[in-house]
Amino acid sequence: MTRAPVLFVSHGAPSLALEGGAYADALARFAASVPRPRAVVIVSAHLGEPGPLGVTSAARNRIIHDFSGFPEPLYAIRYPAPGAPDVARRAAGLLDAAGIGARLDPDRPLDHGAWVPLRFLFPSADVPVVQVALSPTADGARRLGAALAPLRDEGVLLVASGGLVHNLRRVRLWEAAPVPPDPWAVRFDAWCAERISALDAAALARFHEAPDAALAAPTPEHFLPVLVALGAAREGDRVETLYDAIDHGNLGMRSFALRPDAAELV
């Protein structure tokens, strides 16, 4: 079986679920370019726990509209993807074996950090989905990705969902005219892009030392999924940028895949 890729997506504002556009097209192209996964295991910035980490284990997923103040049609969206209790048990076992600890959670719904990008990847909601809680530290996020990495060899697509530049106090969601990107957001995004390209997880774990980090990542939870993705990297993986816009002035939407080099799989 071909090793599945790893995907990091910046999931943006919830309203992106209604807007689609070039971001949605980029995720759709990615999904069309890879074999249909047995399941998706997704880690979202909106479900973080110190441990043991919750792993959704229901046979059928529900979603939660965990936001307020957005257009009413957004709250009518559903994403009834099946669950994958067998994959949930396998993921929990891997986390336990890595000393991270896990607990099966049959009641937790998928948050918008999961279902918004999944709607663009698999719009028919027919690929089983398991969500794993995010470890709240840089080291924990890298260990989480490494622990889940064996699932790649079992036909499971690992997705880490966050936001490369994420400062809700500065983002300008409701301005009608196109908003040019703020220089500080551009600088932080460029610093990250260079280190992502080099798969330099050690440098990215020190993201707080990057230029303008205090503005670009004032809290860590949306950046940590980057470290989950890089933690799941394997020898021979290459980085493929899927989307790299900065929306609403400073909402960094950079998304990338780690794909196995074909030569490594011969």
C-alpha atoms as a PDB file:
ATOM      1  CA  MET A   1       0.000   0.000   0.000  1.00  0.00           C
ATOM      2  CA  THR A   2       1.301   3.457  -0.914  1.00  0.00           C
ATOM      3  CA  ARG A   3       2.082   5.639   2.071  1.00  0.00           C
ATOM      4  CA  ALA A   4      -0.604   8.283   2.467  1.00  0.00           C
ATOM      5  CA  PRO A   5       0.407  11.955   2.563  1.00  0.00           C
ATOM      6  CA  VAL A   6       0.058  14.340   5.476  1.00  0.00           C
ATOM      7  CA  LEU A   7      -1.905  17.541   5.038  1.00  0.00           C
ATOM      8  CA  PHE A   8      -1.699  20.819   6.944  1.00  0.00           C
ATOM      9  CA  VAL A   9      -4.571  23.201   6.251  1.00  0.00           C
ATOM     10  CA  SER A  10      -5.149  26.709   7.485  1.00  0.00           C
ATOM     11  CA  HIS A  11      -8.907  26.557   7.952  1.00  0.00           C
ATOM     12  CA  GLY A  12      -9.548  30.310   8.000  1.00  0.00           C
ATOM     13  CA  ALA A  13     -12.743  31.941   9.185  1.00  0.00           C
ATOM     14  CA  PRO A  14     -15.901  29.778   9.451  1.00  0.00           C
ATOM     15  CA  SER A  15     -17.480  31.823   6.640  1.00  0.00           C
ATOM     16  CA  LEU A  16     -15.001  30.172   4.286  1.00  0.00           C
ATOM     17  CA  ALA A  17     -17.418  27.234   4.237  1.00  0.00           C
ATOM     18  CA  LEU A  18     -19.830  29.438   2.276  1.00  0.00           C
ATOM     19  CA  GLU A  19     -17.267  31.249   0.144  1.00  0.00           C
ATOM     20  CA  GLY A  20     -15.177  28.420  -1.289  1.00  0.00           C
ATOM     21  CA  GLY A  21     -13.165  30.023  -4.076  1.00  0.00           C
ATOM     22  CA  ALA A  22      -9.509  29.361  -4.850  1.00  0.00           C
ATOM     23  CA  TYR A  23      -8.878  27.778  -1.438  1.00  0.00           C
ATOM     24  CA  ALA A  24     -11.673  25.255  -1.922  1.00  0.00           C
ATOM     25  CA  ASP A  25     -10.414  24.511  -5.426  1.00  0.00           C
ATOM     26  CA  ALA A  26      -6.897  23.867  -4.111  1.00  0.00           C
ATOM     27  CA  LEU A  27      -8.116  21.349  -1.537  1.00  0.00           C
ATOM     28  CA  ALA A  28     -10.333  19.650  -4.129  1.00  0.00           C
ATOM     29  CA  ARG A  29      -7.362  19.296  -6.500  1.00  0.00           C
ATOM     30  CA  PHE A  30      -5.305  17.753  -3.727  1.00  0.00           C
ATOM     31  CA  ALA A  31      -8.022  15.222  -2.876  1.00  0.00           C
ATOM     32  CA  ALA A  32      -8.371  14.293  -6.563  1.00  0.00           C
ATOM     33  CA  SER A  33      -4.609  13.688  -6.823  1.00  0.00           C
ATOM     34  CA  VAL A  34      -4.344  11.021  -4.117  1.00  0.00           C
ATOM     35  CA  PRO A  35      -5.921   7.592  -3.678  1.00  0.00           C
ATOM     36  CA  ARG A  36      -9.153   7.640  -1.748  1.00  0.00           C
ATOM     37  CA  PRO A  37      -8.145   7.184   1.905  1.00  0.00           C
ATOM     38  CA  ARG A  38      -9.474   4.431   4.114  1.00  0.00           C
ATOM     39  CA  ALA A  39     -10.224   7.181   6.650  1.00  0.00           C
ATOM     40  CA  VAL A  40      -9.146  10.657   7.723  1.00  0.00           C
ATOM     41  CA  VAL A  41      -7.625  11.298  11.126  1.00  0.00           C
ATOM     42  CA  ILE A  42      -7.746  15.034  11.761  1.00  0.00           C
ATOM     43  CA  VAL A  43      -6.271  17.197  14.525  1.00  0.00           C
ATOM     44  CA  SER A  44      -7.852  20.642  14.884  1.00  0.00           C
ATOM     45  CA  ALA A  45      -6.780  23.770  16.722  1.00  0.00           C
ATOM     46  CA  HIS A  46     -10.260  23.934  18.247  1.00  0.00           C
ATOM     47  CA  LEU A  47      -9.996  20.761  20.299  1.00  0.00           C
ATOM     48  CA  GLY A  48      -6.995  20.894  22.614  1.00  0.00           C
ATOM     49  CA  GLU A  49      -6.370  18.890  25.764  1.00  0.00           C
ATOM     50  CA  PRO A  50      -3.369  18.336  28.062  1.00  0.00           C
ATOM     51  CA  GLY A  51      -4.070  14.582  27.990  1.00  0.00           C
ATOM     52  CA  PRO A  52      -5.174  11.921  27.796  1.00  0.00           C
ATOM     53  CA  LEU A  53      -6.218  13.070  24.336  1.00  0.00           C
ATOM     54  CA  GLY A  54      -9.796  12.514  23.196  1.00  0.00           C
ATOM     55  CA  VAL A  55     -10.315  10.430  20.050  1.00  0.00           C
ATOM     56  CA  THR A  56     -13.774  10.533  18.473  1.00  0.00           C
ATOM     57  CA  SER A  57     -15.133   7.016  18.167  1.00  0.00           C
ATOM     58  CA  ALA A  58     -18.781   7.304  17.108  1.00  0.00           C
ATOM     59  CA  ALA A  59     -20.023   5.264  14.146  1.00  0.00           C
ATOM     60  CA  ARG A  60     -21.598   8.445  12.701  1.00  0.00           C
ATOM     61  CA  ASN A  61     -20.191  11.928  13.215  1.00  0.00           C
ATOM     62  CA  ARG A  62     -22.097  15.029  14.230  1.00  0.00           C
ATOM     63  CA  ILE A  63     -20.746  18.544  13.801  1.00  0.00           C
ATOM     64  CA  ILE A  64     -20.808  21.596  16.028  1.00  0.00           C
ATOM     65  CA  HIS A  65     -21.167  25.190  14.849  1.00  0.00           C
ATOM     66  CA  ASP A  66     -18.693  26.478  17.420  1.00  0.00           C
ATOM     67  CA  PHE A  67     -18.835  30.179  16.512  1.00  0.00           C
ATOM     68  CA  SER A  68     -21.278  33.074  16.550  1.00  0.00           C
ATOM     69  CA  GLY A  69     -22.109  36.211  14.593  1.00  0.00           C
ATOM     70  CA  PHE A  70     -21.773  34.719  11.107  1.00  0.00           C
ATOM     71  CA  PRO A  71     -24.374  34.577   8.282  1.00  0.00           C
ATOM     72  CA  GLU A  72     -27.361  32.348   9.058  1.00  0.00           C
ATOM     73  CA  PRO A  73     -26.810  29.910   6.135  1.00  0.00           C
ATOM     74  CA  LEU A  74     -23.567  28.830   7.794  1.00  0.00           C
ATOM     75  CA  TYR A  75     -25.512  27.286  10.661  1.00  0.00           C
ATOM     76  CA  ALA A  76     -27.545  25.144   8.279  1.00  0.00           C
ATOM     77  CA  ILE A  77     -24.480  23.302   6.982  1.00  0.00           C
ATOM     78  CA  ARG A  78     -24.172  19.640   7.897  1.00  0.00           C
ATOM     79  CA  TYR A  79     -21.326  17.207   7.293  1.00  0.00           C
ATOM     80  CA  PRO A  80     -22.592  13.723   8.186  1.00  0.00           C
ATOM     81  CA  ALA A  81     -19.377  11.797   7.592  1.00  0.00           C
ATOM     82  CA  PRO A  82     -19.224   8.297   9.022  1.00  0.00           C
ATOM     83  CA  GLY A  83     -16.926   7.611  11.901  1.00  0.00           C
ATOM     84  CA  ALA A  84     -14.319   4.871  12.000  1.00  0.00           C
ATOM     85  CA  PRO A  85     -14.357   3.190  15.415  1.00  0.00           C
ATOM     86  CA  ASP A  86     -11.663   0.707  14.346  1.00  0.00           C
ATOM     87  CA  VAL A  87      -9.345   3.536  13.253  1.00  0.00           C
ATOM     88  CA  ALA A  88     -10.152   5.408  16.471  1.00  0.00           C
ATOM     89  CA  ARG A  89      -9.082   2.386  18.525  1.00  0.00           C
ATOM     90  CA  ARG A  90      -5.916   2.038  16.467  1.00  0.00           C
ATOM     91  CA  ALA A  91      -5.080   5.743  16.900  1.00  0.00           C
ATOM     92  CA  ALA A  92      -5.709   5.564  20.638  1.00  0.00           C
ATOM     93  CA  GLY A  93      -3.462   2.511  20.850  1.00  0.00           C
ATOM     94  CA  LEU A  94      -0.657   4.338  19.065  1.00  0.00           C
ATOM     95  CA  LEU A  95      -0.991   7.307  21.405  1.00  0.00           C
ATOM     96  CA  ASP A  96      -0.950   5.061  24.446  1.00  0.00           C
ATOM     97  CA  ALA A  97       2.121   3.215  23.137  1.00  0.00           C
ATOM     98  CA  ALA A  98       3.903   6.551  22.658  1.00  0.00           C
ATOM     99  CA  GLY A  99       3.222   7.508  26.268  1.00  0.00           C
ATOM    100  CA  ILE A 100       0.843  10.308  25.283  1.00  0.00           C
ATOM    101  CA  GLY A 101      -2.353   8.693  26.480  1.00  0.00           C
ATOM    102  CA  ALA A 102      -5.760   8.665  24.809  1.00  0.00           C
ATOM    103  CA  ARG A 103      -9.414   8.111  25.587  1.00  0.00           C
ATOM    104  CA  LEU A 104     -12.154   7.134  23.161  1.00  0.00           C
ATOM    105  CA  ASP A 105     -14.910   9.752  22.994  1.00  0.00           C
ATOM    106  CA  PRO A 106     -18.127   8.622  21.275  1.00  0.00           C
ATOM    107  CA  ASP A 107     -19.951  11.896  21.982  1.00  0.00           C
ATOM    108  CA  ARG A 108     -17.603  14.633  20.728  1.00  0.00           C
ATOM    109  CA  PRO A 109     -18.793  16.303  17.464  1.00  0.00           C
ATOM    110  CA  LEU A 110     -16.440  17.546  14.749  1.00  0.00           C
ATOM    111  CA  ASP A 111     -15.610  21.230  15.233  1.00  0.00           C
ATOM    112  CA  HIS A 112     -15.351  23.754  12.401  1.00  0.00           C
ATOM    113  CA  GLY A 113     -11.592  23.338  12.210  1.00  0.00           C
ATOM    114  CA  ALA A 114     -12.357  19.828  10.993  1.00  0.00           C
ATOM    115  CA  TRP A 115     -15.551  20.011   8.971  1.00  0.00           C
ATOM    116  CA  VAL A 116     -14.835  23.227   7.060  1.00  0.00           C
ATOM    117  CA  PRO A 117     -11.765  21.902   5.197  1.00  0.00           C
ATOM    118  CA  LEU A 118     -13.209  18.387   4.989  1.00  0.00           C
ATOM    119  CA  ARG A 119     -16.208  19.732   3.051  1.00  0.00           C
ATOM    120  CA  PHE A 120     -13.808  20.868   0.326  1.00  0.00           C
ATOM    121  CA  LEU A 121     -11.644  17.741   0.418  1.00  0.00           C
ATOM    122  CA  PHE A 122     -14.490  15.222   0.434  1.00  0.00           C
ATOM    123  CA  PRO A 123     -17.743  17.078  -0.282  1.00  0.00           C
ATOM    124  CA  SER A 124     -19.851  13.907  -0.352  1.00  0.00           C
ATOM    125  CA  ALA A 125     -18.997  13.285   3.333  1.00  0.00           C
ATOM    126  CA  ASP A 126     -18.413   9.644   2.483  1.00  0.00           C
ATOM    127  CA  VAL A 127     -14.880   9.197   3.850  1.00  0.00           C
ATOM    128  CA  PRO A 128     -14.829   8.094   7.506  1.00  0.00           C
ATOM    129  CA  VAL A 129     -13.437  10.699   9.906  1.00  0.00           C
ATOM    130  CA  VAL A 130     -11.786  10.469  13.327  1.00  0.00           C
ATOM    131  CA  GLN A 131     -10.769  13.609  15.212  1.00  0.00           C
ATOM    132  CA  VAL A 132      -7.938  13.566  17.737  1.00  0.00           C
ATOM    133  CA  ALA A 133      -7.464  16.323  20.306  1.00  0.00           C
ATOM    134  CA  LEU A 134      -4.432  18.588  19.983  1.00  0.00           C
ATOM    135  CA  SER A 135      -1.645  18.475  22.535  1.00  0.00           C
ATOM    136  CA  PRO A 136      -1.156  22.053  23.828  1.00  0.00           C
ATOM    137  CA  THR A 137       2.660  22.248  23.645  1.00  0.00           C
ATOM    138  CA  ALA A 138       5.142  22.318  20.762  1.00  0.00           C
ATOM    139  CA  ASP A 139       6.884  19.155  21.914  1.00  0.00           C
ATOM    140  CA  GLY A 140       3.546  17.444  22.512  1.00  0.00           C
ATOM    141  CA  ALA A 141       2.306  18.393  19.030  1.00  0.00           C
ATOM    142  CA  ARG A 142       5.415  16.923  17.377  1.00  0.00           C
ATOM    143  CA  ARG A 143       5.100  13.746  19.445  1.00  0.00           C
ATOM    144  CA  LEU A 144       1.425  13.506  18.531  1.00  0.00           C
ATOM    145  CA  GLY A 145       2.241  13.615  14.810  1.00  0.00           C
ATOM    146  CA  ALA A 146       5.016  11.060  15.189  1.00  0.00           C
ATOM    147  CA  ALA A 147       2.743   8.718  17.134  1.00  0.00           C
ATOM    148  CA  LEU A 148       0.049   8.844  14.449  1.00  0.00           C
ATOM    149  CA  ALA A 149       2.503   8.498  11.537  1.00  0.00           C
ATOM    150  CA  PRO A 150       2.134   4.675  11.245  1.00  0.00           C
ATOM    151  CA  LEU A 151      -1.463   5.240  10.132  1.00  0.00           C
ATOM    152  CA  ARG A 152      -0.045   6.612   6.864  1.00  0.00           C
ATOM    153  CA  ASP A 153       1.018   3.092   5.935  1.00  0.00           C
ATOM    154  CA  GLU A 154      -2.513   1.852   6.645  1.00  0.00           C
ATOM    155  CA  GLY A 155      -4.301   4.029   4.099  1.00  0.00           C
ATOM    156  CA  VAL A 156      -5.217   6.805   6.527  1.00  0.00           C
ATOM    157  CA  LEU A 157      -4.863  10.460   5.555  1.00  0.00           C
ATOM    158  CA  LEU A 158      -3.541  12.569   8.428  1.00  0.00           C
ATOM    159  CA  VAL A 159      -4.810  16.161   8.438  1.00  0.00           C
ATOM    160  CA  ALA A 160      -3.645  18.898  10.809  1.00  0.00           C
ATOM    161  CA  SER A 161      -5.914  21.948  10.778  1.00  0.00           C
ATOM    162  CA  GLY A 162      -4.942  25.332  12.184  1.00  0.00           C
ATOM    163  CA  GLY A 163      -3.823  28.694  10.844  1.00  0.00           C
ATOM    164  CA  LEU A 164      -0.313  29.797   9.975  1.00  0.00           C
ATOM    165  CA  VAL A 165      -1.055  33.437  10.865  1.00  0.00           C
ATOM    166  CA  HIS A 166      -3.945  33.824  13.286  1.00  0.00           C
ATOM    167  CA  ASN A 167      -4.728  36.925  15.328  1.00  0.00           C
ATOM    168  CA  LEU A 168      -8.457  37.505  15.722  1.00  0.00           C
ATOM    169  CA  ARG A 169      -7.872  40.927  17.259  1.00  0.00           C
ATOM    170  CA  ARG A 170      -6.229  42.145  14.044  1.00  0.00           C
ATOM    171  CA  VAL A 171      -8.120  40.283  11.299  1.00  0.00           C
ATOM    172  CA  ARG A 172     -10.496  42.400   9.197  1.00  0.00           C
ATOM    173  CA  LEU A 173     -13.279  40.024   8.216  1.00  0.00           C
ATOM    174  CA  TRP A 174     -16.014  42.438   7.274  1.00  0.00           C
ATOM    175  CA  GLU A 175     -14.240  45.023   5.118  1.00  0.00           C
ATOM    176  CA  ALA A 176     -15.915  45.078   1.707  1.00  0.00           C
ATOM    177  CA  ALA A 177     -12.903  46.022  -0.415  1.00  0.00           C
ATOM    178  CA  PRO A 178      -9.968  43.615  -0.882  1.00  0.00           C
ATOM    179  CA  VAL A 179      -7.540  44.140   1.970  1.00  0.00           C
ATOM    180  CA  PRO A 180      -3.779  44.109   1.258  1.00  0.00           C
ATOM    181  CA  PRO A 181      -1.769  41.828   3.540  1.00  0.00           C
ATOM    182  CA  ASP A 182      -0.175  43.425   6.570  1.00  0.00           C
ATOM    183  CA  PRO A 183       3.654  43.484   6.353  1.00  0.00           C
ATOM    184  CA  TRP A 184       4.050  41.717   9.682  1.00  0.00           C
ATOM    185  CA  ALA A 185       1.881  38.832   8.485  1.00  0.00           C
ATOM    186  CA  VAL A 186       3.887  38.576   5.268  1.00  0.00           C
ATOM    187  CA  ARG A 187       7.172  38.450   7.194  1.00  0.00           C
ATOM    188  CA  PHE A 188       6.005  35.718   9.563  1.00  0.00           C
ATOM    189  CA  ASP A 189       4.499  33.675   6.731  1.00  0.00           C
ATOM    190  CA  ALA A 190       7.758  33.896   4.747  1.00  0.00           C
ATOM    191  CA  TRP A 191       9.825  32.808   7.761  1.00  0.00           C
ATOM    192  CA  CYS A 192       7.567  29.798   8.250  1.00  0.00           C
ATOM    193  CA  ALA A 193       7.458  28.912   4.553  1.00  0.00           C
ATOM    194  CA  GLU A 194      11.255  28.695   4.370  1.00  0.00           C
ATOM    195  CA  ARG A 195      11.426  26.334   7.348  1.00  0.00           C
ATOM    196  CA  ILE A 196       8.460  24.246   6.249  1.00  0.00           C
ATOM    197  CA  SER A 197      10.164  23.759   2.877  1.00  0.00           C
ATOM    198  CA  ALA A 198      13.229  22.460   4.712  1.00  0.00           C
ATOM    199  CA  LEU A 199      11.113  20.271   7.036  1.00  0.00           C
ATOM    200  CA  ASP A 200      12.853  22.060   9.897  1.00  0.00           C
ATOM    201  CA  ALA A 201      10.537  21.067  12.724  1.00  0.00           C
ATOM    202  CA  ALA A 202      13.077  22.078  15.373  1.00  0.00           C
ATOM    203  CA  ALA A 203      13.128  25.680  14.137  1.00  0.00           C
ATOM    204  CA  LEU A 204       9.360  25.804  13.744  1.00  0.00           C
ATOM    205  CA  ALA A 205       8.948  24.578  17.318  1.00  0.00           C
ATOM    206  CA  ARG A 206      10.608  27.893  18.276  1.00  0.00           C
ATOM    207  CA  PHE A 207       8.075  29.874  16.257  1.00  0.00           C
ATOM    208  CA  HIS A 208       7.790  32.386  19.087  1.00  0.00           C
ATOM    209  CA  GLU A 209      11.298  33.577  18.106  1.00  0.00           C
ATOM    210  CA  ALA A 210      10.249  34.327  14.513  1.00  0.00           C
ATOM    211  CA  PRO A 211       9.843  37.873  13.191  1.00  0.00           C
ATOM    212  CA  ASP A 212       6.528  39.362  14.328  1.00  0.00           C
ATOM    213  CA  ALA A 213       5.503  36.177  16.144  1.00  0.00           C
ATOM    214  CA  ALA A 214       3.803  38.136  18.915  1.00  0.00           C
ATOM    215  CA  LEU A 215       1.380  39.512  16.313  1.00  0.00           C
ATOM    216  CA  ALA A 216       1.141  36.480  14.033  1.00  0.00           C
ATOM    217  CA  ALA A 217       0.710  33.795  16.698  1.00  0.00           C
ATOM    218  CA  PRO A 218      -0.259  35.507  19.969  1.00  0.00           C
ATOM    219  CA  THR A 219      -1.638  32.173  21.198  1.00  0.00           C
ATOM    220  CA  PRO A 220      -0.142  28.852  20.065  1.00  0.00           C
ATOM    221  CA  GLU A 221      -3.122  26.621  19.312  1.00  0.00           C
ATOM    222  CA  HIS A 222      -3.514  27.506  15.625  1.00  0.00           C
ATOM    223  CA  PHE A 223       0.207  27.149  14.923  1.00  0.00           C
ATOM    224  CA  LEU A 224       0.727  23.840  16.743  1.00  0.00           C
ATOM    225  CA  PRO A 225      -0.975  21.747  14.003  1.00  0.00           C
ATOM    226  CA  VAL A 226       1.978  22.681  11.755  1.00  0.00           C
ATOM    227  CA  LEU A 227       4.148  20.746  14.199  1.00  0.00           C
ATOM    228  CA  VAL A 228       1.706  17.826  14.200  1.00  0.00           C
ATOM    229  CA  ALA A 229       2.093  17.600  10.417  1.00  0.00           C
ATOM    230  CA  LEU A 230       5.881  17.799  10.520  1.00  0.00           C
ATOM    231  CA  GLY A 231       5.984  15.326  13.373  1.00  0.00           C
ATOM    232  CA  ALA A 232       4.316  12.795  11.054  1.00  0.00           C
ATOM    233  CA  ALA A 233       6.914  13.318   8.311  1.00  0.00           C
ATOM    234  CA  ARG A 234       8.841  10.301   7.059  1.00  0.00           C
ATOM    235  CA  GLU A 235      12.152  10.040   5.229  1.00  0.00           C
ATOM    236  CA  GLY A 236      11.628  10.844   1.570  1.00  0.00           C
ATOM    237  CA  ASP A 237       8.654  13.155   2.078  1.00  0.00           C
ATOM    238  CA  ARG A 238       8.592  16.304  -0.009  1.00  0.00           C
ATOM    239  CA  VAL A 239       6.673  19.492   0.687  1.00  0.00           C
ATOM    240  CA  GLU A 240       3.997  20.610  -1.758  1.00  0.00           C
ATOM    241  CA  THR A 241       2.424  24.022  -1.211  1.00  0.00           C
ATOM    242  CA  LEU A 242      -1.302  23.858  -1.932  1.00  0.00           C
ATOM    243  CA  TYR A 243      -2.329  27.418  -1.107  1.00  0.00           C
ATOM    244  CA  ASP A 244      -0.473  30.415   0.277  1.00  0.00           C
ATOM    245  CA  ALA A 245      -2.726  33.474   0.395  1.00  0.00           C
ATOM    246  CA  ILE A 246      -3.122  35.915   3.277  1.00  0.00           C
ATOM    247  CA  ASP A 247      -6.788  36.889   3.576  1.00  0.00           C
ATOM    248  CA  HIS A 248      -8.550  39.705   5.432  1.00  0.00           C
ATOM    249  CA  GLY A 249      -5.310  41.581   6.011  1.00  0.00           C
ATOM    250  CA  ASN A 250      -3.506  38.996   8.091  1.00  0.00           C
ATOM    251  CA  LEU A 251      -5.306  35.650   8.173  1.00  0.00           C
ATOM    252  CA  GLY A 252      -2.606  33.302   6.920  1.00  0.00           C
ATOM    253  CA  MET A 253      -4.087  30.546   4.767  1.00  0.00           C
ATOM    254  CA  ARG A 254      -0.900  28.685   3.821  1.00  0.00           C
ATOM    255  CA  SER A 255      -1.675  24.986   3.396  1.00  0.00           C
ATOM    256  CA  PHE A 256       0.704  22.227   2.359  1.00  0.00           C
ATOM    257  CA  ALA A 257       1.053  18.495   1.908  1.00  0.00           C
ATOM    258  CA  LEU A 258       3.894  16.149   2.757  1.00  0.00           C
ATOM    259  CA  ARG A 259       3.964  13.588  -0.023  1.00  0.00           C
ATOM    260  CA  PRO A 260       6.201  10.537  -0.218  1.00  0.00           C
ATOM    261  CA  ASP A 261       8.679  10.751  -3.059  1.00  0.00           C
ATOM    262  CA  ALA A 262       7.730   8.122  -5.634  1.00  0.00           C
ATOM    263  CA  ALA A 263      11.333   6.903  -5.721  1.00  0.00           C
ATOM    264  CA  GLU A 264      11.169   6.088  -1.999  1.00  0.00           C
ATOM    265  CA  LEU A 265       8.229   3.749  -2.568  1.00  0.00           C
ATOM    266  CA  VAL A 266       9.759   1.586  -5.321  1.00  0.00           C
END
